[in-house]
Amino acid sequence: MSNDNPYSEAVFRTLKYRPEYPDHGFKTLDDAREWTRTFVDWDNHAHLHSEIQFVSPAECHEGRHIAILEKRKQVYECAKKRHPERWSKGIRNWSPHQSVALNPLKEREKQN
């Protein structure tokens, strides 16, 4: 993957690795548009993104991620307290990210 446009390249990689992505293309332009609409809805509302602590972009945008991540933190703390032998380190960091970048080095260079 080049770094020309990391955002679109990351989305395209996710898109083409979906199990329902058609191997032999779309029959019509309308089929392609409908598939893309469905994909974008899934990616924004159902897909849990690892870089934002496994919440959806919609949950972040609407501010719901804070309560979700706090609940996850409580669940992990309770599990560690009940079964400390299962934990060799601390719990996963469930703190909300302030910002996310696909290519932080290149973005930092642009700012300088």
PDB file of N, CA and C in Angstrom:
ATOM      1  N   MET A   1       0.852  -1.170   0.000  1.00  0.00           N
ATOM      2  CA  MET A   1       0.000   0.000   0.000  1.00  0.00           C
ATOM      3  C   MET A   1       0.896   1.231   0.000  1.00  0.00           C
ATOM      4  N   SER A   2       0.648   2.142  -0.903  1.00  0.00           N
ATOM      5  CA  SER A   2       1.405   3.387  -0.914  1.00  0.00           C
ATOM      6  C   SER A   2       0.800   4.338   0.104  1.00  0.00           C
ATOM      7  N   ASN A   3       1.460   5.463   0.294  1.00  0.00           N
ATOM      8  CA  ASN A   3       0.968   6.452   1.249  1.00  0.00           C
ATOM      9  C   ASN A   3       0.364   7.661   0.543  1.00  0.00           C
ATOM     10  N   ASP A   4      -0.023   7.502  -0.727  1.00  0.00           N
ATOM     11  CA  ASP A   4      -0.568   8.633  -1.470  1.00  0.00           C
ATOM     12  C   ASP A   4      -1.854   9.147  -0.837  1.00  0.00           C
ATOM     13  N   ASN A   5      -2.741   8.262  -0.512  1.00  0.00           N
ATOM     14  CA  ASN A   5      -3.989   8.637   0.141  1.00  0.00           C
ATOM     15  C   ASN A   5      -4.367   7.505   1.094  1.00  0.00           C
ATOM     16  N   PRO A   6      -3.776   7.498   2.288  1.00  0.00           N
ATOM     17  CA  PRO A   6      -3.975   6.359   3.191  1.00  0.00           C
ATOM     18  C   PRO A   6      -5.426   6.145   3.599  1.00  0.00           C
ATOM     19  N   TYR A   7      -6.223   7.199   3.654  1.00  0.00           N
ATOM     20  CA  TYR A   7      -7.618   7.042   4.055  1.00  0.00           C
ATOM     21  C   TYR A   7      -8.394   6.239   3.018  1.00  0.00           C
ATOM     22  N   SER A   8      -8.318   6.657   1.765  1.00  0.00           N
ATOM     23  CA  SER A   8      -9.070   5.932   0.732  1.00  0.00           C
ATOM     24  C   SER A   8      -8.501   4.534   0.523  1.00  0.00           C
ATOM     25  N   GLU A   9      -7.184   4.377   0.645  1.00  0.00           N
ATOM     26  CA  GLU A   9      -6.585   3.056   0.475  1.00  0.00           C
ATOM     27  C   GLU A   9      -7.006   2.105   1.597  1.00  0.00           C
ATOM     28  N   ALA A  10      -7.118   2.604   2.811  1.00  0.00           N
ATOM     29  CA  ALA A  10      -7.562   1.762   3.926  1.00  0.00           C
ATOM     30  C   ALA A  10      -9.016   1.341   3.737  1.00  0.00           C
ATOM     31  N   VAL A  11      -9.853   2.263   3.297  1.00  0.00           N
ATOM     32  CA  VAL A  11     -11.261   1.933   3.054  1.00  0.00           C
ATOM     33  C   VAL A  11     -11.368   0.915   1.920  1.00  0.00           C
ATOM     34  N   PHE A  12     -10.589   1.126   0.854  1.00  0.00           N
ATOM     35  CA  PHE A  12     -10.659   0.200  -0.277  1.00  0.00           C
ATOM     36  C   PHE A  12     -10.209  -1.196   0.130  1.00  0.00           C
ATOM     37  N   ARG A  13      -9.179  -1.292   0.961  1.00  0.00           N
ATOM     38  CA  ARG A  13      -8.720  -2.607   1.416  1.00  0.00           C
ATOM     39  C   ARG A  13      -9.825  -3.298   2.220  1.00  0.00           C
ATOM     40  N   THR A  14     -10.459  -2.557   3.132  1.00  0.00           N
ATOM     41  CA  THR A  14     -11.559  -3.132   3.909  1.00  0.00           C
ATOM     42  C   THR A  14     -12.684  -3.583   2.978  1.00  0.00           C
ATOM     43  N   LEU A  15     -13.003  -2.746   2.018  1.00  0.00           N
ATOM     44  CA  LEU A  15     -14.086  -3.024   1.075  1.00  0.00           C
ATOM     45  C   LEU A  15     -13.821  -4.302   0.285  1.00  0.00           C
ATOM     46  N   LYS A  16     -12.643  -4.422  -0.299  1.00  0.00           N
ATOM     47  CA  LYS A  16     -12.412  -5.573  -1.182  1.00  0.00           C
ATOM     48  C   LYS A  16     -12.186  -6.881  -0.428  1.00  0.00           C
ATOM     49  N   TYR A  17     -11.976  -6.826   0.887  1.00  0.00           N
ATOM     50  CA  TYR A  17     -11.828  -8.051   1.662  1.00  0.00           C
ATOM     51  C   TYR A  17     -13.114  -8.473   2.363  1.00  0.00           C
ATOM     52  N   ARG A  18     -14.202  -7.781   2.105  1.00  0.00           N
ATOM     53  CA  ARG A  18     -15.495  -8.206   2.638  1.00  0.00           C
ATOM     54  C   ARG A  18     -15.910  -9.496   1.936  1.00  0.00           C
ATOM     55  N   PRO A  19     -16.458 -10.469   2.677  1.00  0.00           N
ATOM     56  CA  PRO A  19     -16.835 -11.741   2.043  1.00  0.00           C
ATOM     57  C   PRO A  19     -17.865 -11.584   0.931  1.00  0.00           C
ATOM     58  N   GLU A  20     -18.716 -10.572   1.022  1.00  0.00           N
ATOM     59  CA  GLU A  20     -19.754 -10.395   0.006  1.00  0.00           C
ATOM     60  C   GLU A  20     -19.286  -9.561  -1.187  1.00  0.00           C
ATOM     61  N   TYR A  21     -18.006  -9.136  -1.185  1.00  0.00           N
ATOM     62  CA  TYR A  21     -17.488  -8.371  -2.325  1.00  0.00           C
ATOM     63  C   TYR A  21     -17.522  -9.257  -3.570  1.00  0.00           C
ATOM     64  N   PRO A  22     -18.105  -8.789  -4.666  1.00  0.00           N
ATOM     65  CA  PRO A  22     -18.251  -9.647  -5.848  1.00  0.00           C
ATOM     66  C   PRO A  22     -16.907  -9.921  -6.531  1.00  0.00           C
ATOM     67  N   ASP A  23     -16.598 -11.178  -6.710  1.00  0.00           N
ATOM     68  CA  ASP A  23     -15.334 -11.576  -7.342  1.00  0.00           C
ATOM     69  C   ASP A  23     -15.237 -11.142  -8.802  1.00  0.00           C
ATOM     70  N   HIS A  24     -16.361 -11.100  -9.480  1.00  0.00           N
ATOM     71  CA  HIS A  24     -16.346 -10.833 -10.919  1.00  0.00           C
ATOM     72  C   HIS A  24     -17.020  -9.506 -11.270  1.00  0.00           C
ATOM     73  N   GLY A  25     -16.965  -8.562 -10.367  1.00  0.00           N
ATOM     74  CA  GLY A  25     -17.530  -7.250 -10.650  1.00  0.00           C
ATOM     75  C   GLY A  25     -19.041  -7.199 -10.471  1.00  0.00           C
ATOM     76  N   PHE A  26     -19.593  -6.062 -10.817  1.00  0.00           N
ATOM     77  CA  PHE A  26     -21.027  -5.826 -10.682  1.00  0.00           C
ATOM     78  C   PHE A  26     -21.689  -5.917 -12.047  1.00  0.00           C
ATOM     79  N   LYS A  27     -22.939  -6.345 -12.068  1.00  0.00           N
ATOM     80  CA  LYS A  27     -23.658  -6.463 -13.340  1.00  0.00           C
ATOM     81  C   LYS A  27     -24.043  -5.094 -13.888  1.00  0.00           C
ATOM     82  N   THR A  28     -24.425  -4.192 -12.979  1.00  0.00           N
ATOM     83  CA  THR A  28     -24.856  -2.863 -13.422  1.00  0.00           C
ATOM     84  C   THR A  28     -24.268  -1.799 -12.505  1.00  0.00           C
ATOM     85  N   LEU A  29     -24.305  -0.580 -12.981  1.00  0.00           N
ATOM     86  CA  LEU A  29     -23.857   0.545 -12.170  1.00  0.00           C
ATOM     87  C   LEU A  29     -24.732   0.683 -10.927  1.00  0.00           C
ATOM     88  N   ASP A  30     -26.024   0.454 -11.076  1.00  0.00           N
ATOM     89  CA  ASP A  30     -26.924   0.518  -9.917  1.00  0.00           C
ATOM     90  C   ASP A  30     -26.576  -0.545  -8.881  1.00  0.00           C
ATOM     91  N   ASP A  31     -26.190  -1.745  -9.337  1.00  0.00           N
ATOM     92  CA  ASP A  31     -25.749  -2.793  -8.401  1.00  0.00           C
ATOM     93  C   ASP A  31     -24.521  -2.335  -7.623  1.00  0.00           C
ATOM     94  N   ALA A  32     -23.580  -1.713  -8.312  1.00  0.00           N
ATOM     95  CA  ALA A  32     -22.360  -1.218  -7.660  1.00  0.00           C
ATOM     96  C   ALA A  32     -22.692  -0.130  -6.647  1.00  0.00           C
ATOM     97  N   ARG A  33     -23.580   0.762  -7.020  1.00  0.00           N
ATOM     98  CA  ARG A  33     -23.972   1.841  -6.105  1.00  0.00           C
ATOM     99  C   ARG A  33     -24.665   1.294  -4.863  1.00  0.00           C
ATOM    100  N   GLU A  34     -25.559   0.348  -5.045  1.00  0.00           N
ATOM    101  CA  GLU A  34     -26.283  -0.228  -3.907  1.00  0.00           C
ATOM    102  C   GLU A  34     -25.330  -0.988  -2.994  1.00  0.00           C
ATOM    103  N   TRP A  35     -24.413  -1.760  -3.577  1.00  0.00           N
ATOM    104  CA  TRP A  35     -23.441  -2.496  -2.767  1.00  0.00           C
ATOM    105  C   TRP A  35     -22.584  -1.514  -1.966  1.00  0.00           C
ATOM    106  N   THR A  36     -22.166  -0.437  -2.606  1.00  0.00           N
ATOM    107  CA  THR A  36     -21.328   0.561  -1.933  1.00  0.00           C
ATOM    108  C   THR A  36     -22.096   1.251  -0.815  1.00  0.00           C
ATOM    109  N   ARG A  37     -23.356   1.593  -1.054  1.00  0.00           N
ATOM    110  CA  ARG A  37     -24.180   2.201   0.008  1.00  0.00           C
ATOM    111  C   ARG A  37     -24.277   1.267   1.212  1.00  0.00           C
ATOM    112  N   THR A  38     -24.501  -0.009   0.948  1.00  0.00           N
ATOM    113  CA  THR A  38     -24.599  -0.995   2.030  1.00  0.00           C
ATOM    114  C   THR A  38     -23.277  -1.107   2.780  1.00  0.00           C
ATOM    115  N   PHE A  39     -22.173  -1.132   2.033  1.00  0.00           N
ATOM    116  CA  PHE A  39     -20.848  -1.215   2.656  1.00  0.00           C
ATOM    117  C   PHE A  39     -20.575  -0.001   3.539  1.00  0.00           C
ATOM    118  N   VAL A  40     -20.834   1.192   3.035  1.00  0.00           N
ATOM    119  CA  VAL A  40     -20.568   2.417   3.797  1.00  0.00           C
ATOM    120  C   VAL A  40     -21.405   2.440   5.072  1.00  0.00           C
ATOM    121  N   ASP A  41     -22.658   2.025   4.980  1.00  0.00           N
ATOM    122  CA  ASP A  41     -23.505   1.963   6.172  1.00  0.00           C
ATOM    123  C   ASP A  41     -22.922   0.979   7.186  1.00  0.00           C
ATOM    124  N   TRP A  42     -22.510  -0.200   6.725  1.00  0.00           N
ATOM    125  CA  TRP A  42     -21.891  -1.198   7.614  1.00  0.00           C
ATOM    126  C   TRP A  42     -20.616  -0.643   8.233  1.00  0.00           C
ATOM    127  N   ASP A  43     -19.750  -0.042   7.418  1.00  0.00           N
ATOM    128  CA  ASP A  43     -18.463   0.451   7.911  1.00  0.00           C
ATOM    129  C   ASP A  43     -18.643   1.551   8.953  1.00  0.00           C
ATOM    130  N   ASN A  44     -19.633   2.391   8.777  1.00  0.00           N
ATOM    131  CA  ASN A  44     -19.847   3.503   9.704  1.00  0.00           C
ATOM    132  C   ASN A  44     -20.648   3.135  10.946  1.00  0.00           C
ATOM    133  N   HIS A  45     -21.512   2.121  10.847  1.00  0.00           N
ATOM    134  CA  HIS A  45     -22.421   1.829  11.955  1.00  0.00           C
ATOM    135  C   HIS A  45     -22.235   0.469  12.620  1.00  0.00           C
ATOM    136  N   ALA A  46     -21.693  -0.506  11.913  1.00  0.00           N
ATOM    137  CA  ALA A  46     -21.575  -1.855  12.485  1.00  0.00           C
ATOM    138  C   ALA A  46     -20.132  -2.306  12.683  1.00  0.00           C
ATOM    139  N   HIS A  47     -19.251  -1.900  11.794  1.00  0.00           N
ATOM    140  CA  HIS A  47     -17.850  -2.328  11.858  1.00  0.00           C
ATOM    141  C   HIS A  47     -17.159  -1.680  13.056  1.00  0.00           C
ATOM    142  N   LEU A  48     -16.588  -2.510  13.912  1.00  0.00           N
ATOM    143  CA  LEU A  48     -15.882  -2.011  15.092  1.00  0.00           C
ATOM    144  C   LEU A  48     -14.415  -1.819  14.727  1.00  0.00           C
ATOM    145  N   HIS A  49     -13.973  -0.581  14.689  1.00  0.00           N
ATOM    146  CA  HIS A  49     -12.640  -0.215  14.217  1.00  0.00           C
ATOM    147  C   HIS A  49     -11.618  -0.315  15.347  1.00  0.00           C
ATOM    148  N   SER A  50     -10.540  -1.035  15.100  1.00  0.00           N
ATOM    149  CA  SER A  50      -9.525  -1.258  16.139  1.00  0.00           C
ATOM    150  C   SER A  50      -8.842   0.033  16.579  1.00  0.00           C
ATOM    151  N   GLU A  51      -8.644   0.970  15.677  1.00  0.00           N
ATOM    152  CA  GLU A  51      -7.938   2.205  16.033  1.00  0.00           C
ATOM    153  C   GLU A  51      -8.763   3.130  16.924  1.00  0.00           C
ATOM    154  N   ILE A  52     -10.035   2.883  17.035  1.00  0.00           N
ATOM    155  CA  ILE A  52     -10.873   3.692  17.931  1.00  0.00           C
ATOM    156  C   ILE A  52     -11.485   2.807  19.013  1.00  0.00           C
ATOM    157  N   GLN A  53     -10.679   1.840  19.461  1.00  0.00           N
ATOM    158  CA  GLN A  53     -11.019   0.972  20.598  1.00  0.00           C
ATOM    159  C   GLN A  53     -12.246   0.100  20.341  1.00  0.00           C
ATOM    160  N   PHE A  54     -12.381  -0.375  19.130  1.00  0.00           N
ATOM    161  CA  PHE A  54     -13.444  -1.327  18.770  1.00  0.00           C
ATOM    162  C   PHE A  54     -14.852  -0.766  19.001  1.00  0.00           C
ATOM    163  N   VAL A  55     -15.031   0.466  18.562  1.00  0.00           N
ATOM    164  CA  VAL A  55     -16.364   1.060  18.463  1.00  0.00           C
ATOM    165  C   VAL A  55     -16.532   1.501  17.012  1.00  0.00           C
ATOM    166  N   SER A  56     -17.732   1.840  16.639  1.00  0.00           N
ATOM    167  CA  SER A  56     -17.968   2.272  15.259  1.00  0.00           C
ATOM    168  C   SER A  56     -17.719   3.774  15.131  1.00  0.00           C
ATOM    169  N   PRO A  57     -17.422   4.243  13.919  1.00  0.00           N
ATOM    170  CA  PRO A  57     -17.281   5.683  13.715  1.00  0.00           C
ATOM    171  C   PRO A  57     -18.547   6.452  14.109  1.00  0.00           C
ATOM    172  N   ALA A  58     -19.708   5.877  13.858  1.00  0.00           N
ATOM    173  CA  ALA A  58     -20.956   6.552  14.231  1.00  0.00           C
ATOM    174  C   ALA A  58     -21.047   6.725  15.743  1.00  0.00           C
ATOM    175  N   GLU A  59     -20.644   5.695  16.489  1.00  0.00           N
ATOM    176  CA  GLU A  59     -20.669   5.802  17.953  1.00  0.00           C
ATOM    177  C   GLU A  59     -19.732   6.909  18.431  1.00  0.00           C
ATOM    178  N   CYS A  60     -18.577   7.035  17.788  1.00  0.00           N
ATOM    179  CA  CYS A  60     -17.654   8.126  18.147  1.00  0.00           C
ATOM    180  C   CYS A  60     -18.251   9.478  17.788  1.00  0.00           C
ATOM    181  N   HIS A  61     -18.744   9.576  16.569  1.00  0.00           N
ATOM    182  CA  HIS A  61     -19.282  10.848  16.086  1.00  0.00           C
ATOM    183  C   HIS A  61     -20.439  11.338  16.961  1.00  0.00           C
ATOM    184  N   GLU A  62     -21.246  10.414  17.442  1.00  0.00           N
ATOM    185  CA  GLU A  62     -22.409  10.765  18.265  1.00  0.00           C
ATOM    186  C   GLU A  62     -22.079  10.844  19.751  1.00  0.00           C
ATOM    187  N   GLY A  63     -20.826  10.532  20.120  1.00  0.00           N
ATOM    188  CA  GLY A  63     -20.405  10.620  21.513  1.00  0.00           C
ATOM    189  C   GLY A  63     -20.796   9.426  22.369  1.00  0.00           C
ATOM    190  N   ARG A  64     -21.393   8.403  21.766  1.00  0.00           N
ATOM    191  CA  ARG A  64     -21.817   7.223  22.522  1.00  0.00           C
ATOM    192  C   ARG A  64     -20.651   6.333  22.926  1.00  0.00           C
ATOM    193  N   HIS A  65     -19.504   6.505  22.284  1.00  0.00           N
ATOM    194  CA  HIS A  65     -18.348   5.648  22.556  1.00  0.00           C
ATOM    195  C   HIS A  65     -17.834   5.789  23.981  1.00  0.00           C
ATOM    196  N   ILE A  66     -18.004   6.943  24.594  1.00  0.00           N
ATOM    197  CA  ILE A  66     -17.481   7.168  25.948  1.00  0.00           C
ATOM    198  C   ILE A  66     -18.159   6.222  26.941  1.00  0.00           C
ATOM    199  N   ALA A  67     -19.476   6.130  26.894  1.00  0.00           N
ATOM    200  CA  ALA A  67     -20.201   5.217  27.791  1.00  0.00           C
ATOM    201  C   ALA A  67     -19.888   3.756  27.463  1.00  0.00           C
ATOM    202  N   ILE A  68     -19.776   3.444  26.182  1.00  0.00           N
ATOM    203  CA  ILE A  68     -19.456   2.067  25.772  1.00  0.00           C
ATOM    204  C   ILE A  68     -18.095   1.660  26.321  1.00  0.00           C
ATOM    205  N   LEU A  69     -17.102   2.525  26.159  1.00  0.00           N
ATOM    206  CA  LEU A  69     -15.746   2.210  26.613  1.00  0.00           C
ATOM    207  C   LEU A  69     -15.660   2.166  28.136  1.00  0.00           C
ATOM    208  N   GLU A  70     -16.405   3.008  28.813  1.00  0.00           N
ATOM    209  CA  GLU A  70     -16.427   2.973  30.281  1.00  0.00           C
ATOM    210  C   GLU A  70     -17.025   1.649  30.768  1.00  0.00           C
ATOM    211  N   LYS A  71     -18.088   1.199  30.119  1.00  0.00           N
ATOM    212  CA  LYS A  71     -18.703  -0.084  30.479  1.00  0.00           C
ATOM    213  C   LYS A  71     -17.725  -1.235  30.242  1.00  0.00           C
ATOM    214  N   ARG A  72     -17.012  -1.206  29.127  1.00  0.00           N
ATOM    215  CA  ARG A  72     -16.019  -2.251  28.853  1.00  0.00           C
ATOM    216  C   ARG A  72     -14.927  -2.255  29.918  1.00  0.00           C
ATOM    217  N   LYS A  73     -14.497  -1.077  30.306  1.00  0.00           N
ATOM    218  CA  LYS A  73     -13.461  -0.973  31.344  1.00  0.00           C
ATOM    219  C   LYS A  73     -13.960  -1.609  32.640  1.00  0.00           C
ATOM    220  N   GLN A  74     -15.199  -1.315  33.014  1.00  0.00           N
ATOM    221  CA  GLN A  74     -15.774  -1.889  34.234  1.00  0.00           C
ATOM    222  C   GLN A  74     -15.861  -3.410  34.147  1.00  0.00           C
ATOM    223  N   VAL A  75     -16.259  -3.925  32.993  1.00  0.00           N
ATOM    224  CA  VAL A  75     -16.362  -5.380  32.802  1.00  0.00           C
ATOM    225  C   VAL A  75     -14.988  -6.022  32.961  1.00  0.00           C
ATOM    226  N   TYR A  76     -13.976  -5.426  32.353  1.00  0.00           N
ATOM    227  CA  TYR A  76     -12.618  -5.975  32.454  1.00  0.00           C
ATOM    228  C   TYR A  76     -12.093  -5.900  33.886  1.00  0.00           C
ATOM    229  N   GLU A  77     -12.332  -4.774  34.564  1.00  0.00           N
ATOM    230  CA  GLU A  77     -11.876  -4.646  35.953  1.00  0.00           C
ATOM    231  C   GLU A  77     -12.545  -5.689  36.845  1.00  0.00           C
ATOM    232  N   CYS A  78     -13.832  -5.912  36.635  1.00  0.00           N
ATOM    233  CA  CYS A  78     -14.568  -6.918  37.412  1.00  0.00           C
ATOM    234  C   CYS A  78     -14.023  -8.317  37.127  1.00  0.00           C
ATOM    235  N   ALA A  79     -13.770  -8.607  35.861  1.00  0.00           N
ATOM    236  CA  ALA A  79     -13.234  -9.927  35.493  1.00  0.00           C
ATOM    237  C   ALA A  79     -11.858 -10.146  36.100  1.00  0.00           C
ATOM    238  N   LYS A  80     -11.034  -9.111  36.097  1.00  0.00           N
ATOM    239  CA  LYS A  80      -9.691  -9.242  36.682  1.00  0.00           C
ATOM    240  C   LYS A  80      -9.777  -9.447  38.189  1.00  0.00           C
ATOM    241  N   LYS A  81     -10.710  -8.752  38.817  1.00  0.00           N
ATOM    242  CA  LYS A  81     -10.882  -8.888  40.265  1.00  0.00           C
ATOM    243  C   LYS A  81     -11.368 -10.294  40.624  1.00  0.00           C
ATOM    244  N   ARG A  82     -12.279 -10.850  39.821  1.00  0.00           N
ATOM    245  CA  ARG A  82     -12.823 -12.183  40.091  1.00  0.00           C
ATOM    246  C   ARG A  82     -11.832 -13.297  39.777  1.00  0.00           C
ATOM    247  N   HIS A  83     -10.983 -13.088  38.766  1.00  0.00           N
ATOM    248  CA  HIS A  83     -10.036 -14.127  38.341  1.00  0.00           C
ATOM    249  C   HIS A  83      -8.666 -13.516  38.059  1.00  0.00           C
ATOM    250  N   PRO A  84      -7.974 -13.035  39.083  1.00  0.00           N
ATOM    251  CA  PRO A  84      -6.674 -12.383  38.855  1.00  0.00           C
ATOM    252  C   PRO A  84      -5.634 -13.317  38.239  1.00  0.00           C
ATOM    253  N   GLU A  85      -5.806 -14.613  38.415  1.00  0.00           N
ATOM    254  CA  GLU A  85      -4.840 -15.573  37.856  1.00  0.00           C
ATOM    255  C   GLU A  85      -4.847 -15.579  36.326  1.00  0.00           C
ATOM    256  N   ARG A  86      -5.885 -15.053  35.724  1.00  0.00           N
ATOM    257  CA  ARG A  86      -5.983 -15.009  34.258  1.00  0.00           C
ATOM    258  C   ARG A  86      -5.293 -13.779  33.665  1.00  0.00           C
ATOM    259  N   TRP A  87      -4.809 -12.900  34.522  1.00  0.00           N
ATOM    260  CA  TRP A  87      -4.250 -11.632  34.055  1.00  0.00           C
ATOM    261  C   TRP A  87      -2.790 -11.526  34.486  1.00  0.00           C
ATOM    262  N   SER A  88      -1.891 -11.436  33.541  1.00  0.00           N
ATOM    263  CA  SER A  88      -0.479 -11.257  33.881  1.00  0.00           C
ATOM    264  C   SER A  88      -0.106  -9.777  33.899  1.00  0.00           C
ATOM    265  N   LYS A  89      -0.942  -8.952  33.281  1.00  0.00           N
ATOM    266  CA  LYS A  89      -0.705  -7.505  33.217  1.00  0.00           C
ATOM    267  C   LYS A  89      -2.009  -6.791  33.552  1.00  0.00           C
ATOM    268  N   GLY A  90      -2.022  -5.503  33.307  1.00  0.00           N
ATOM    269  CA  GLY A  90      -3.240  -4.729  33.520  1.00  0.00           C
ATOM    270  C   GLY A  90      -4.276  -5.040  32.453  1.00  0.00           C
ATOM    271  N   ILE A  91      -5.423  -4.429  32.600  1.00  0.00           N
ATOM    272  CA  ILE A  91      -6.492  -4.632  31.622  1.00  0.00           C
ATOM    273  C   ILE A  91      -6.191  -3.829  30.359  1.00  0.00           C
ATOM    274  N   ARG A  92      -6.906  -4.143  29.310  1.00  0.00           N
ATOM    275  CA  ARG A  92      -6.788  -3.406  28.045  1.00  0.00           C
ATOM    276  C   ARG A  92      -7.138  -1.935  28.283  1.00  0.00           C
ATOM    277  N   ASN A  93      -6.472  -1.069  27.553  1.00  0.00           N
ATOM    278  CA  ASN A  93      -6.756   0.359  27.638  1.00  0.00           C
ATOM    279  C   ASN A  93      -8.051   0.653  26.873  1.00  0.00           C
ATOM    280  N   TRP A  94      -9.086   1.007  27.603  1.00  0.00           N
ATOM    281  CA  TRP A  94     -10.373   1.335  26.995  1.00  0.00           C
ATOM    282  C   TRP A  94     -10.633   2.838  26.995  1.00  0.00           C
ATOM    283  N   SER A  95      -9.588   3.645  27.111  1.00  0.00           N
ATOM    284  CA  SER A  95      -9.748   5.103  27.072  1.00  0.00           C
ATOM    285  C   SER A  95     -10.064   5.552  25.651  1.00  0.00           C
ATOM    286  N   PRO A  96     -10.994   6.493  25.506  1.00  0.00           N
ATOM    287  CA  PRO A  96     -11.300   6.989  24.160  1.00  0.00           C
ATOM    288  C   PRO A  96     -10.107   7.753  23.586  1.00  0.00           C
ATOM    289  N   HIS A  97      -9.876   7.582  22.294  1.00  0.00           N
ATOM    290  CA  HIS A  97      -8.815   8.330  21.616  1.00  0.00           C
ATOM    291  C   HIS A  97      -9.278   9.754  21.364  1.00  0.00           C
ATOM    292  N   GLN A  98      -8.336  10.673  21.440  1.00  0.00           N
ATOM    293  CA  GLN A  98      -8.656  12.064  21.130  1.00  0.00           C
ATOM    294  C   GLN A  98      -8.620  12.306  19.624  1.00  0.00           C
ATOM    295  N   SER A  99      -7.707  11.606  18.938  1.00  0.00           N
ATOM    296  CA  SER A  99      -7.625  11.711  17.483  1.00  0.00           C
ATOM    297  C   SER A  99      -7.073  10.403  16.935  1.00  0.00           C
ATOM    298  N   VAL A 100      -7.323  10.183  15.654  1.00  0.00           N
ATOM    299  CA  VAL A 100      -6.860   8.969  14.990  1.00  0.00           C
ATOM    300  C   VAL A 100      -6.249   9.372  13.660  1.00  0.00           C
ATOM    301  N   ALA A 101      -5.109   8.766  13.328  1.00  0.00           N
ATOM    302  CA  ALA A 101      -4.457   9.036  12.052  1.00  0.00           C
ATOM    303  C   ALA A 101      -4.010   7.722  11.433  1.00  0.00           C
ATOM    304  N   LEU A 102      -4.249   7.571  10.145  1.00  0.00           N
ATOM    305  CA  LEU A 102      -3.801   6.364   9.457  1.00  0.00           C
ATOM    306  C   LEU A 102      -2.314   6.423   9.147  1.00  0.00           C
ATOM    307  N   ASN A 103      -1.807   7.614   8.950  1.00  0.00           N
ATOM    308  CA  ASN A 103      -0.409   7.784   8.589  1.00  0.00           C
ATOM    309  C   ASN A 103       0.157   8.950   9.400  1.00  0.00           C
ATOM    310  N   PRO A 104       0.385   8.762  10.706  1.00  0.00           N
ATOM    311  CA  PRO A 104       0.744   9.890  11.569  1.00  0.00           C
ATOM    312  C   PRO A 104       2.056  10.569  11.198  1.00  0.00           C
ATOM    313  N   LEU A 105       3.040   9.843  10.698  1.00  0.00           N
ATOM    314  CA  LEU A 105       4.309  10.476  10.342  1.00  0.00           C
ATOM    315  C   LEU A 105       4.133  11.465   9.203  1.00  0.00           C
ATOM    316  N   LYS A 106       3.439  11.053   8.152  1.00  0.00           N
ATOM    317  CA  LYS A 106       3.226  11.935   7.013  1.00  0.00           C
ATOM    318  C   LYS A 106       2.371  13.141   7.415  1.00  0.00           C
ATOM    319  N   GLU A 107       1.367  12.907   8.250  1.00  0.00           N
ATOM    320  CA  GLU A 107       0.515  14.009   8.689  1.00  0.00           C
ATOM    321  C   GLU A 107       1.286  14.984   9.565  1.00  0.00           C
ATOM    322  N   ARG A 108       2.192  14.472  10.390  1.00  0.00           N
ATOM    323  CA  ARG A 108       3.017  15.334  11.229  1.00  0.00           C
ATOM    324  C   ARG A 108       3.945  16.182  10.364  1.00  0.00           C
ATOM    325  N   GLU A 109       4.485  15.598   9.285  1.00  0.00           N
ATOM    326  CA  GLU A 109       5.356  16.333   8.373  1.00  0.00           C
ATOM    327  C   GLU A 109       4.600  17.482   7.721  1.00  0.00           C
ATOM    328  N   LYS A 110       3.329  17.273   7.369  1.00  0.00           N
ATOM    329  CA  LYS A 110       2.522  18.325   6.753  1.00  0.00           C
ATOM    330  C   LYS A 110       2.328  19.503   7.703  1.00  0.00           C
ATOM    331  N   GLN A 111       2.235  19.218   9.004  1.00  0.00           N
ATOM    332  CA  GLN A 111       2.008  20.272   9.988  1.00  0.00           C
ATOM    333  C   GLN A 111       3.254  21.123  10.205  1.00  0.00           C
ATOM    334  N   ASN A 112       4.414  20.563   9.951  1.00  0.00           N
ATOM    335  CA  ASN A 112       5.683  21.294  10.178  1.00  0.00           C
ATOM    336  C   ASN A 112       6.093  22.110   8.999  1.00  0.00           C
TER     337      ASN A 112
END
